[in-house]
PDB file of N, CA and C in Angstrom:
ATOM      1  N   MET A   1      -0.376 -43.435  -1.916  1.00  0.00           N
ATOM      2  CA  MET A   1       0.695 -42.478  -2.034  1.00  0.00           C
ATOM      3  C   MET A   1       0.251 -41.282  -2.873  1.00  0.00           C
ATOM      4  N   ASN A   2      -0.589 -41.489  -3.860  1.00  0.00           N
ATOM      5  CA  ASN A   2      -1.078 -40.391  -4.675  1.00  0.00           C
ATOM      6  C   ASN A   2      -1.934 -39.434  -3.855  1.00  0.00           C
ATOM      7  N   GLU A   3      -2.661 -39.979  -2.875  1.00  0.00           N
ATOM      8  CA  GLU A   3      -3.490 -39.125  -2.034  1.00  0.00           C
ATOM      9  C   GLU A   3      -2.634 -38.197  -1.183  1.00  0.00           C
ATOM     10  N   GLU A   4      -1.480 -38.666  -0.715  1.00  0.00           N
ATOM     11  CA  GLU A   4      -0.593 -37.814   0.078  1.00  0.00           C
ATOM     12  C   GLU A   4      -0.094 -36.644  -0.750  1.00  0.00           C
ATOM     13  N   LYS A   5       0.246 -36.891  -1.996  1.00  0.00           N
ATOM     14  CA  LYS A   5       0.727 -35.815  -2.857  1.00  0.00           C
ATOM     15  C   LYS A   5      -0.375 -34.803  -3.115  1.00  0.00           C
ATOM     16  N   LYS A   6      -1.596 -35.243  -3.274  1.00  0.00           N
ATOM     17  CA  LYS A   6      -2.700 -34.328  -3.526  1.00  0.00           C
ATOM     18  C   LYS A   6      -2.986 -33.463  -2.314  1.00  0.00           C
ATOM     19  N   ASN A   7      -2.894 -34.024  -1.123  1.00  0.00           N
ATOM     20  CA  ASN A   7      -3.196 -33.280   0.090  1.00  0.00           C
ATOM     21  C   ASN A   7      -2.091 -32.318   0.475  1.00  0.00           C
ATOM     22  N   ASN A   8      -0.871 -32.558   0.066  1.00  0.00           N
ATOM     23  CA  ASN A   8       0.256 -31.708   0.447  1.00  0.00           C
ATOM     24  C   ASN A   8       0.555 -30.623  -0.577  1.00  0.00           C
ATOM     25  N   THR A   9      -0.241 -30.507  -1.594  1.00  0.00           N
ATOM     26  CA  THR A   9       0.021 -29.472  -2.591  1.00  0.00           C
ATOM     27  C   THR A   9      -0.360 -28.116  -2.020  1.00  0.00           C
ATOM     28  N   LYS A  10       0.483 -27.142  -2.306  1.00  0.00           N
ATOM     29  CA  LYS A  10       0.249 -25.777  -1.858  1.00  0.00           C
ATOM     30  C   LYS A  10      -0.063 -24.921  -3.077  1.00  0.00           C
ATOM     31  N   PRO A  11      -0.892 -23.902  -2.900  1.00  0.00           N
ATOM     32  CA  PRO A  11      -1.162 -23.029  -4.037  1.00  0.00           C
ATOM     33  C   PRO A  11       0.097 -22.253  -4.432  1.00  0.00           C
ATOM     34  N   LYS A  12       0.242 -22.003  -5.706  1.00  0.00           N
ATOM     35  CA  LYS A  12       1.413 -21.276  -6.181  1.00  0.00           C
ATOM     36  C   LYS A  12       1.309 -19.812  -5.759  1.00  0.00           C
ATOM     37  N   LYS A  13       2.350 -19.320  -5.118  1.00  0.00           N
ATOM     38  CA  LYS A  13       2.368 -17.923  -4.704  1.00  0.00           C
ATOM     39  C   LYS A  13       2.883 -17.024  -5.828  1.00  0.00           C
ATOM     40  N   ASP A  14       3.552 -17.596  -6.801  1.00  0.00           N
ATOM     41  CA  ASP A  14       4.143 -16.802  -7.864  1.00  0.00           C
ATOM     42  C   ASP A  14       3.269 -16.745  -9.113  1.00  0.00           C
ATOM     43  N   SER A  15       2.011 -17.062  -9.000  1.00  0.00           N
ATOM     44  CA  SER A  15       1.153 -17.031 -10.173  1.00  0.00           C
ATOM     45  C   SER A  15       0.965 -15.578 -10.625  1.00  0.00           C
ATOM     46  N   PRO A  16       0.850 -15.349 -11.925  1.00  0.00           N
ATOM     47  CA  PRO A  16       0.698 -13.975 -12.428  1.00  0.00           C
ATOM     48  C   PRO A  16      -0.550 -13.281 -11.885  1.00  0.00           C
ATOM     49  N   LEU A  17      -1.616 -14.025 -11.697  1.00  0.00           N
ATOM     50  CA  LEU A  17      -2.839 -13.422 -11.179  1.00  0.00           C
ATOM     51  C   LEU A  17      -2.651 -12.950  -9.742  1.00  0.00           C
ATOM     52  N   ASN A  18      -1.942 -13.731  -8.931  1.00  0.00           N
ATOM     53  CA  ASN A  18      -1.679 -13.337  -7.552  1.00  0.00           C
ATOM     54  C   ASN A  18      -0.797 -12.087  -7.513  1.00  0.00           C
ATOM     55  N   ASN A  19       0.242 -12.053  -8.339  1.00  0.00           N
ATOM     56  CA  ASN A  19       1.108 -10.872  -8.375  1.00  0.00           C
ATOM     57  C   ASN A  19       0.329  -9.646  -8.835  1.00  0.00           C
ATOM     58  N   TRP A  20      -0.538  -9.818  -9.830  1.00  0.00           N
ATOM     59  CA  TRP A  20      -1.339  -8.702 -10.311  1.00  0.00           C
ATOM     60  C   TRP A  20      -2.224  -8.157  -9.199  1.00  0.00           C
ATOM     61  N   ALA A  21      -2.816  -9.045  -8.437  1.00  0.00           N
ATOM     62  CA  ALA A  21      -3.702  -8.626  -7.349  1.00  0.00           C
ATOM     63  C   ALA A  21      -2.927  -7.869  -6.272  1.00  0.00           C
ATOM     64  N   VAL A  22      -1.729  -8.349  -5.951  1.00  0.00           N
ATOM     65  CA  VAL A  22      -0.932  -7.685  -4.917  1.00  0.00           C
ATOM     66  C   VAL A  22      -0.526  -6.289  -5.371  1.00  0.00           C
ATOM     67  N   PHE A  23      -0.063  -6.163  -6.607  1.00  0.00           N
ATOM     68  CA  PHE A  23       0.402  -4.863  -7.078  1.00  0.00           C
ATOM     69  C   PHE A  23      -0.744  -3.885  -7.322  1.00  0.00           C
ATOM     70  N   SER A  24      -1.884  -4.363  -7.767  1.00  0.00           N
ATOM     71  CA  SER A  24      -3.020  -3.452  -7.918  1.00  0.00           C
ATOM     72  C   SER A  24      -3.535  -3.036  -6.544  1.00  0.00           C
ATOM     73  N   GLY A  25      -3.459  -3.913  -5.571  1.00  0.00           N
ATOM     74  CA  GLY A  25      -3.834  -3.545  -4.211  1.00  0.00           C
ATOM     75  C   GLY A  25      -2.906  -2.481  -3.643  1.00  0.00           C
ATOM     76  N   MET A  26      -1.620  -2.587  -3.964  1.00  0.00           N
ATOM     77  CA  MET A  26      -0.666  -1.568  -3.519  1.00  0.00           C
ATOM     78  C   MET A  26      -0.999  -0.215  -4.138  1.00  0.00           C
ATOM     79  N   ALA A  27      -1.423  -0.205  -5.394  1.00  0.00           N
ATOM     80  CA  ALA A  27      -1.777   1.059  -6.055  1.00  0.00           C
ATOM     81  C   ALA A  27      -2.969   1.707  -5.364  1.00  0.00           C
ATOM     82  N   PHE A  28      -3.970   0.900  -5.009  1.00  0.00           N
ATOM     83  CA  PHE A  28      -5.129   1.449  -4.306  1.00  0.00           C
ATOM     84  C   PHE A  28      -4.750   1.952  -2.918  1.00  0.00           C
ATOM     85  N   GLN A  29      -3.867   1.237  -2.220  1.00  0.00           N
ATOM     86  CA  GLN A  29      -3.413   1.698  -0.911  1.00  0.00           C
ATOM     87  C   GLN A  29      -2.696   3.036  -1.022  1.00  0.00           C
ATOM     88  N   MET A  30      -1.843   3.158  -2.042  1.00  0.00           N
ATOM     89  CA  MET A  30      -1.128   4.416  -2.229  1.00  0.00           C
ATOM     90  C   MET A  30      -2.099   5.552  -2.520  1.00  0.00           C
ATOM     91  N   ALA A  31      -3.054   5.311  -3.405  1.00  0.00           N
ATOM     92  CA  ALA A  31      -4.010   6.355  -3.765  1.00  0.00           C
ATOM     93  C   ALA A  31      -4.831   6.796  -2.558  1.00  0.00           C
ATOM     94  N   ILE A  32      -5.261   5.842  -1.752  1.00  0.00           N
ATOM     95  CA  ILE A  32      -6.076   6.178  -0.583  1.00  0.00           C
ATOM     96  C   ILE A  32      -5.257   6.938   0.454  1.00  0.00           C
ATOM     97  N   SER A  33      -4.008   6.527   0.672  1.00  0.00           N
ATOM     98  CA  SER A  33      -3.152   7.216   1.652  1.00  0.00           C
ATOM     99  C   SER A  33      -2.881   8.656   1.228  1.00  0.00           C
ATOM    100  N   ILE A  34      -2.541   8.846  -0.030  1.00  0.00           N
ATOM    101  CA  ILE A  34      -2.223  10.191  -0.506  1.00  0.00           C
ATOM    102  C   ILE A  34      -3.476  11.059  -0.533  1.00  0.00           C
ATOM    103  N   ALA A  35      -4.579  10.528  -1.037  1.00  0.00           N
ATOM    104  CA  ALA A  35      -5.819  11.303  -1.084  1.00  0.00           C
ATOM    105  C   ALA A  35      -6.301  11.643   0.326  1.00  0.00           C
ATOM    106  N   GLY A  36      -6.152  10.704   1.248  1.00  0.00           N
ATOM    107  CA  GLY A  36      -6.531  10.982   2.634  1.00  0.00           C
ATOM    108  C   GLY A  36      -5.722  12.118   3.229  1.00  0.00           C
ATOM    109  N   GLY A  37      -4.419  12.129   2.945  1.00  0.00           N
ATOM    110  CA  GLY A  37      -3.571  13.217   3.428  1.00  0.00           C
ATOM    111  C   GLY A  37      -3.959  14.559   2.830  1.00  0.00           C
ATOM    112  N   VAL A  38      -4.261  14.564   1.537  1.00  0.00           N
ATOM    113  CA  VAL A  38      -4.654  15.816   0.876  1.00  0.00           C
ATOM    114  C   VAL A  38      -5.967  16.333   1.440  1.00  0.00           C
ATOM    115  N   PHE A  39      -6.962  15.463   1.567  1.00  0.00           N
ATOM    116  CA  PHE A  39      -8.261  15.903   2.083  1.00  0.00           C
ATOM    117  C   PHE A  39      -8.173  16.339   3.547  1.00  0.00           C
ATOM    118  N   LEU A  40      -7.337  15.655   4.325  1.00  0.00           N
ATOM    119  CA  LEU A  40      -7.137  16.087   5.712  1.00  0.00           C
ATOM    120  C   LEU A  40      -6.484  17.465   5.751  1.00  0.00           C
ATOM    121  N   GLY A  41      -5.503  17.691   4.902  1.00  0.00           N
ATOM    122  CA  GLY A  41      -4.846  18.997   4.842  1.00  0.00           C
ATOM    123  C   GLY A  41      -5.789  20.100   4.411  1.00  0.00           C
ATOM    124  N   ILE A  42      -6.630  19.821   3.416  1.00  0.00           N
ATOM    125  CA  ILE A  42      -7.601  20.828   2.965  1.00  0.00           C
ATOM    126  C   ILE A  42      -8.585  21.150   4.083  1.00  0.00           C
ATOM    127  N   TRP A  43      -9.034  20.113   4.792  1.00  0.00           N
ATOM    128  CA  TRP A  43      -9.970  20.335   5.900  1.00  0.00           C
ATOM    129  C   TRP A  43      -9.317  21.171   7.003  1.00  0.00           C
ATOM    130  N   LEU A  44      -8.051  20.851   7.328  1.00  0.00           N
ATOM    131  CA  LEU A  44      -7.357  21.625   8.365  1.00  0.00           C
ATOM    132  C   LEU A  44      -7.120  23.070   7.921  1.00  0.00           C
ATOM    133  N   ASP A  45      -6.810  23.273   6.640  1.00  0.00           N
ATOM    134  CA  ASP A  45      -6.616  24.641   6.156  1.00  0.00           C
ATOM    135  C   ASP A  45      -7.902  25.458   6.208  1.00  0.00           C
ATOM    136  N   LYS A  46      -9.051  24.810   6.041  1.00  0.00           N
ATOM    137  CA  LYS A  46     -10.323  25.532   6.168  1.00  0.00           C
ATOM    138  C   LYS A  46     -10.608  25.871   7.622  1.00  0.00           C
ATOM    139  N   LYS A  47     -10.247  24.951   8.527  1.00  0.00           N
ATOM    140  CA  LYS A  47     -10.485  25.186   9.959  1.00  0.00           C
ATOM    141  C   LYS A  47      -9.520  26.217  10.525  1.00  0.00           C
ATOM    142  N   ILE A  48      -8.250  26.130  10.105  1.00  0.00           N
ATOM    143  CA  ILE A  48      -7.207  27.032  10.612  1.00  0.00           C
ATOM    144  C   ILE A  48      -6.562  27.709   9.400  1.00  0.00           C
ATOM    145  N   PRO A  49      -7.114  28.803   8.945  1.00  0.00           N
ATOM    146  CA  PRO A  49      -6.581  29.452   7.739  1.00  0.00           C
ATOM    147  C   PRO A  49      -5.142  29.927   7.940  1.00  0.00           C
ATOM    148  N   ASN A  50      -4.346  29.773   6.887  1.00  0.00           N
ATOM    149  CA  ASN A  50      -2.983  30.285   6.899  1.00  0.00           C
ATOM    150  C   ASN A  50      -2.624  30.747   5.494  1.00  0.00           C
ATOM    151  N   LYS A  51      -1.498  31.402   5.378  1.00  0.00           N
ATOM    152  CA  LYS A  51      -1.130  32.056   4.126  1.00  0.00           C
ATOM    153  C   LYS A  51      -0.668  31.084   3.035  1.00  0.00           C
ATOM    154  N   PHE A  52      -0.036  29.990   3.409  1.00  0.00           N
ATOM    155  CA  PHE A  52       0.622  29.129   2.423  1.00  0.00           C
ATOM    156  C   PHE A  52      -0.021  27.750   2.257  1.00  0.00           C
ATOM    157  N   SER A  53      -1.185  27.516   2.797  1.00  0.00           N
ATOM    158  CA  SER A  53      -1.826  26.189   2.763  1.00  0.00           C
ATOM    159  C   SER A  53      -0.869  25.125   3.315  1.00  0.00           C
ATOM    160  N   ALA A  54      -0.274  25.439   4.435  1.00  0.00           N
ATOM    161  CA  ALA A  54       0.758  24.575   5.013  1.00  0.00           C
ATOM    162  C   ALA A  54       0.221  23.204   5.400  1.00  0.00           C
ATOM    163  N   PHE A  55      -1.006  23.140   5.877  1.00  0.00           N
ATOM    164  CA  PHE A  55      -1.554  21.845   6.277  1.00  0.00           C
ATOM    165  C   PHE A  55      -1.761  20.930   5.070  1.00  0.00           C
ATOM    166  N   THR A  56      -2.219  21.502   3.967  1.00  0.00           N
ATOM    167  CA  THR A  56      -2.411  20.694   2.758  1.00  0.00           C
ATOM    168  C   THR A  56      -1.075  20.143   2.271  1.00  0.00           C
ATOM    169  N   ILE A  57      -0.073  20.982   2.235  1.00  0.00           N
ATOM    170  CA  ILE A  57       1.253  20.547   1.784  1.00  0.00           C
ATOM    171  C   ILE A  57       1.827  19.510   2.741  1.00  0.00           C
ATOM    172  N   GLY A  58       1.771  19.786   4.024  1.00  0.00           N
ATOM    173  CA  GLY A  58       2.337  18.872   5.019  1.00  0.00           C
ATOM    174  C   GLY A  58       1.631  17.531   5.074  1.00  0.00           C
ATOM    175  N   CYS A  59       0.314  17.556   5.078  1.00  0.00           N
ATOM    176  CA  CYS A  59      -0.450  16.301   5.161  1.00  0.00           C
ATOM    177  C   CYS A  59      -0.339  15.486   3.874  1.00  0.00           C
ATOM    178  N   SER A  60      -0.254  16.169   2.729  1.00  0.00           N
ATOM    179  CA  SER A  60      -0.087  15.411   1.487  1.00  0.00           C
ATOM    180  C   SER A  60       1.289  14.759   1.435  1.00  0.00           C
ATOM    181  N   LEU A  61       2.315  15.443   1.900  1.00  0.00           N
ATOM    182  CA  LEU A  61       3.642  14.821   1.971  1.00  0.00           C
ATOM    183  C   LEU A  61       3.657  13.664   2.968  1.00  0.00           C
ATOM    184  N   LEU A  62       2.969  13.825   4.084  1.00  0.00           N
ATOM    185  CA  LEU A  62       2.860  12.733   5.042  1.00  0.00           C
ATOM    186  C   LEU A  62       2.154  11.531   4.409  1.00  0.00           C
ATOM    187  N   GLY A  63       1.117  11.789   3.618  1.00  0.00           N
ATOM    188  CA  GLY A  63       0.423  10.711   2.907  1.00  0.00           C
ATOM    189  C   GLY A  63       1.335   9.996   1.925  1.00  0.00           C
ATOM    190  N   VAL A  64       2.195  10.743   1.234  1.00  0.00           N
ATOM    191  CA  VAL A  64       3.152  10.137   0.304  1.00  0.00           C
ATOM    192  C   VAL A  64       4.135   9.255   1.051  1.00  0.00           C
ATOM    193  N   PHE A  65       4.658   9.746   2.166  1.00  0.00           N
ATOM    194  CA  PHE A  65       5.613   8.947   2.945  1.00  0.00           C
ATOM    195  C   PHE A  65       4.964   7.683   3.510  1.00  0.00           C
ATOM    196  N   ILE A  66       3.738   7.790   3.960  1.00  0.00           N
ATOM    197  CA  ILE A  66       3.018   6.615   4.461  1.00  0.00           C
ATOM    198  C   ILE A  66       2.805   5.613   3.335  1.00  0.00           C
ATOM    199  N   ALA A  67       2.448   6.106   2.142  1.00  0.00           N
ATOM    200  CA  ALA A  67       2.244   5.222   1.000  1.00  0.00           C
ATOM    201  C   ALA A  67       3.542   4.519   0.613  1.00  0.00           C
ATOM    202  N   LEU A  68       4.648   5.240   0.607  1.00  0.00           N
ATOM    203  CA  LEU A  68       5.930   4.628   0.276  1.00  0.00           C
ATOM    204  C   LEU A  68       6.338   3.585   1.317  1.00  0.00           C
ATOM    205  N   TYR A  69       6.045   3.852   2.577  1.00  0.00           N
ATOM    206  CA  TYR A  69       6.354   2.878   3.623  1.00  0.00           C
ATOM    207  C   TYR A  69       5.518   1.615   3.450  1.00  0.00           C
ATOM    208  N   GLN A  70       4.257   1.777   3.085  1.00  0.00           N
ATOM    209  CA  GLN A  70       3.408   0.611   2.849  1.00  0.00           C
ATOM    210  C   GLN A  70       3.925  -0.220   1.678  1.00  0.00           C
ATOM    211  N   VAL A  71       4.370   0.444   0.621  1.00  0.00           N
ATOM    212  CA  VAL A  71       4.937  -0.268  -0.528  1.00  0.00           C
ATOM    213  C   VAL A  71       6.196  -1.013  -0.108  1.00  0.00           C
ATOM    214  N   TYR A  72       7.050  -0.357   0.671  1.00  0.00           N
ATOM    215  CA  TYR A  72       8.273  -0.986   1.147  1.00  0.00           C
ATOM    216  C   TYR A  72       7.972  -2.247   1.960  1.00  0.00           C
ATOM    217  N   LYS A  73       7.020  -2.146   2.882  1.00  0.00           N
ATOM    218  CA  LYS A  73       6.669  -3.311   3.700  1.00  0.00           C
ATOM    219  C   LYS A  73       6.115  -4.442   2.848  1.00  0.00           C
ATOM    220  N   THR A  74       5.264  -4.116   1.883  1.00  0.00           N
ATOM    221  CA  THR A  74       4.669  -5.144   1.032  1.00  0.00           C
ATOM    222  C   THR A  74       5.723  -5.825   0.176  1.00  0.00           C
ATOM    223  N   LEU A  75       6.613  -5.042  -0.426  1.00  0.00           N
ATOM    224  CA  LEU A  75       7.659  -5.624  -1.261  1.00  0.00           C
ATOM    225  C   LEU A  75       8.634  -6.464  -0.438  1.00  0.00           C
ATOM    226  N   LYS A  76       8.907  -6.013   0.775  1.00  0.00           N
ATOM    227  CA  LYS A  76       9.798  -6.781   1.649  1.00  0.00           C
ATOM    228  C   LYS A  76       9.162  -8.119   2.014  1.00  0.00           C
ATOM    229  N   SER A  77       7.870  -8.126   2.302  1.00  0.00           N
ATOM    230  CA  SER A  77       7.210  -9.389   2.655  1.00  0.00           C
ATOM    231  C   SER A  77       7.107 -10.303   1.432  1.00  0.00           C
ATOM    232  N   LEU A  78       6.901  -9.738   0.239  1.00  0.00           N
ATOM    233  CA  LEU A  78       6.891 -10.553  -0.980  1.00  0.00           C
ATOM    234  C   LEU A  78       8.250 -11.191  -1.225  1.00  0.00           C
ATOM    235  N   ASP A  79       9.309 -10.435  -0.977  1.00  0.00           N
ATOM    236  CA  ASP A  79      10.658 -10.950  -1.154  1.00  0.00           C
ATOM    237  C   ASP A  79      10.946 -12.055  -0.138  1.00  0.00           C
ATOM    238  N   ASN A  80      10.503 -11.860   1.104  1.00  0.00           N
ATOM    239  CA  ASN A  80      10.702 -12.886   2.128  1.00  0.00           C
ATOM    240  C   ASN A  80       9.940 -14.163   1.781  1.00  0.00           C
ATOM    241  N   ASP A  81       8.722 -14.012   1.247  1.00  0.00           N
ATOM    242  CA  ASP A  81       7.936 -15.191   0.848  1.00  0.00           C
ATOM    243  C   ASP A  81       8.587 -15.905  -0.314  1.00  0.00           C
ATOM    244  N   LYS A  82       9.164 -15.158  -1.224  1.00  0.00           N
ATOM    245  CA  LYS A  82       9.795 -15.756  -2.407  1.00  0.00           C
ATOM    246  C   LYS A  82      11.073 -16.506  -2.016  1.00  0.00           C
ATOM    247  N   ASN A  83      11.816 -15.968  -1.068  1.00  0.00           N
ATOM    248  CA  ASN A  83      13.072 -16.600  -0.650  1.00  0.00           C
ATOM    249  C   ASN A  83      12.855 -17.776   0.306  1.00  0.00           C
ATOM    250  N   SER A  84      11.678 -17.880   0.889  1.00  0.00           N
ATOM    251  CA  SER A  84      11.419 -18.970   1.839  1.00  0.00           C
ATOM    252  C   SER A  84      11.221 -20.297   1.141  1.00  0.00           C
TER     253      SER A  84
END
Protein backbone atom coordinates (compact mmCIF):
# COMPACT_ATOMS: atom_id res chain seq x y z
CA MET A 1 0.00 0.00 0.00
CA ASN A 2 2.91 2.37 0.65
CA GLU A 3 4.14 1.80 -2.89
CA GLU A 4 0.79 2.94 -4.31
CA LYS A 5 1.00 6.20 -2.38
CA LYS A 6 4.54 6.82 -3.61
CA ASN A 7 3.62 6.22 -7.25
CA ASN A 8 0.51 8.41 -7.16
CA THR A 9 2.20 11.49 -5.75
CA LYS A 10 2.08 14.52 -7.99
CA PRO A 11 4.53 17.40 -7.91
CA LYS A 12 3.26 20.47 -6.12
CA LYS A 13 2.14 23.12 -8.58
CA ASP A 14 1.94 25.81 -5.91
CA SER A 15 5.58 25.68 -4.86
CA PRO A 16 7.23 29.11 -4.55
CA LEU A 17 9.98 28.14 -6.97
CA ASN A 18 7.45 27.14 -9.64
CA ASN A 19 5.52 30.40 -9.20
CA TRP A 20 8.76 32.38 -9.38
CA ALA A 21 9.70 30.66 -12.63
CA VAL A 22 6.29 31.32 -14.18
CA PHE A 23 6.26 35.00 -13.27
CA SER A 24 9.85 35.63 -14.32
CA GLY A 25 9.06 33.89 -17.61
CA MET A 26 6.11 36.24 -18.08
CA ALA A 27 8.43 39.23 -17.55
CA PHE A 28 10.80 37.97 -20.25
CA GLN A 29 7.87 37.36 -22.62
CA MET A 30 6.63 40.89 -22.05
CA ALA A 31 10.07 42.40 -22.60
CA ILE A 32 10.62 40.45 -25.81
CA SER A 33 7.16 41.31 -27.20
CA ILE A 34 7.52 45.02 -26.49
CA ALA A 35 11.13 45.23 -27.68
CA GLY A 36 10.22 43.32 -30.84
CA GLY A 37 7.44 45.80 -31.58
CA VAL A 38 9.74 48.77 -31.01
CA PHE A 39 12.53 47.39 -33.21
CA LEU A 40 10.04 46.47 -35.93
CA GLY A 41 8.62 50.00 -35.82
CA ILE A 42 12.08 51.57 -36.00
CA TRP A 43 12.97 49.36 -38.96
CA LEU A 44 9.73 50.27 -40.75
CA ASP A 45 10.28 53.98 -40.08
CA LYS A 46 13.73 53.74 -41.69
CA LYS A 47 12.28 51.93 -44.72
CA ILE A 48 9.24 54.21 -45.06
CA PRO A 49 10.10 57.62 -43.60
CA ASN A 50 7.27 59.66 -42.13
CA LYS A 51 6.91 62.80 -40.06
CA PHE A 52 5.72 61.36 -36.74
CA SER A 53 7.49 57.96 -36.45
CA ALA A 54 4.06 56.39 -36.74
CA PHE A 55 5.35 52.86 -37.26
CA THR A 56 7.45 52.96 -34.10
CA ILE A 57 4.51 54.22 -32.05
CA GLY A 58 2.03 51.80 -33.60
CA CYS A 59 4.23 48.71 -33.43
CA SER A 60 5.31 49.44 -29.86
CA LEU A 61 1.67 49.76 -28.80
CA LEU A 62 0.90 46.52 -30.62
CA GLY A 63 3.78 44.89 -28.71
CA VAL A 64 2.31 46.14 -25.41
CA PHE A 65 -1.13 44.75 -26.26
CA ILE A 66 0.36 41.40 -27.27
CA ALA A 67 2.33 41.29 -24.01
CA LEU A 68 -0.77 42.06 -21.96
CA TYR A 69 -2.71 39.35 -23.78
CA GLN A 70 0.04 36.84 -23.04
CA VAL A 71 -0.05 37.78 -19.35
CA TYR A 72 -3.84 37.42 -19.34
CA LYS A 73 -3.67 33.95 -20.89
CA THR A 74 -0.96 32.81 -18.48
CA LEU A 75 -2.78 34.09 -15.40
CA LYS A 76 -6.03 32.54 -16.59
CA SER A 77 -4.37 29.15 -17.05
CA LEU A 78 -2.71 29.43 -13.61
CA ASP A 79 -6.10 30.18 -12.07
CA ASN A 80 -7.68 27.23 -13.88
CA ASP A 81 -4.89 24.93 -12.65
CA LYS A 82 -5.30 26.19 -9.10
CA ASN A 83 -9.08 25.68 -9.11
CA SER A 84 -8.85 22.18 -10.61
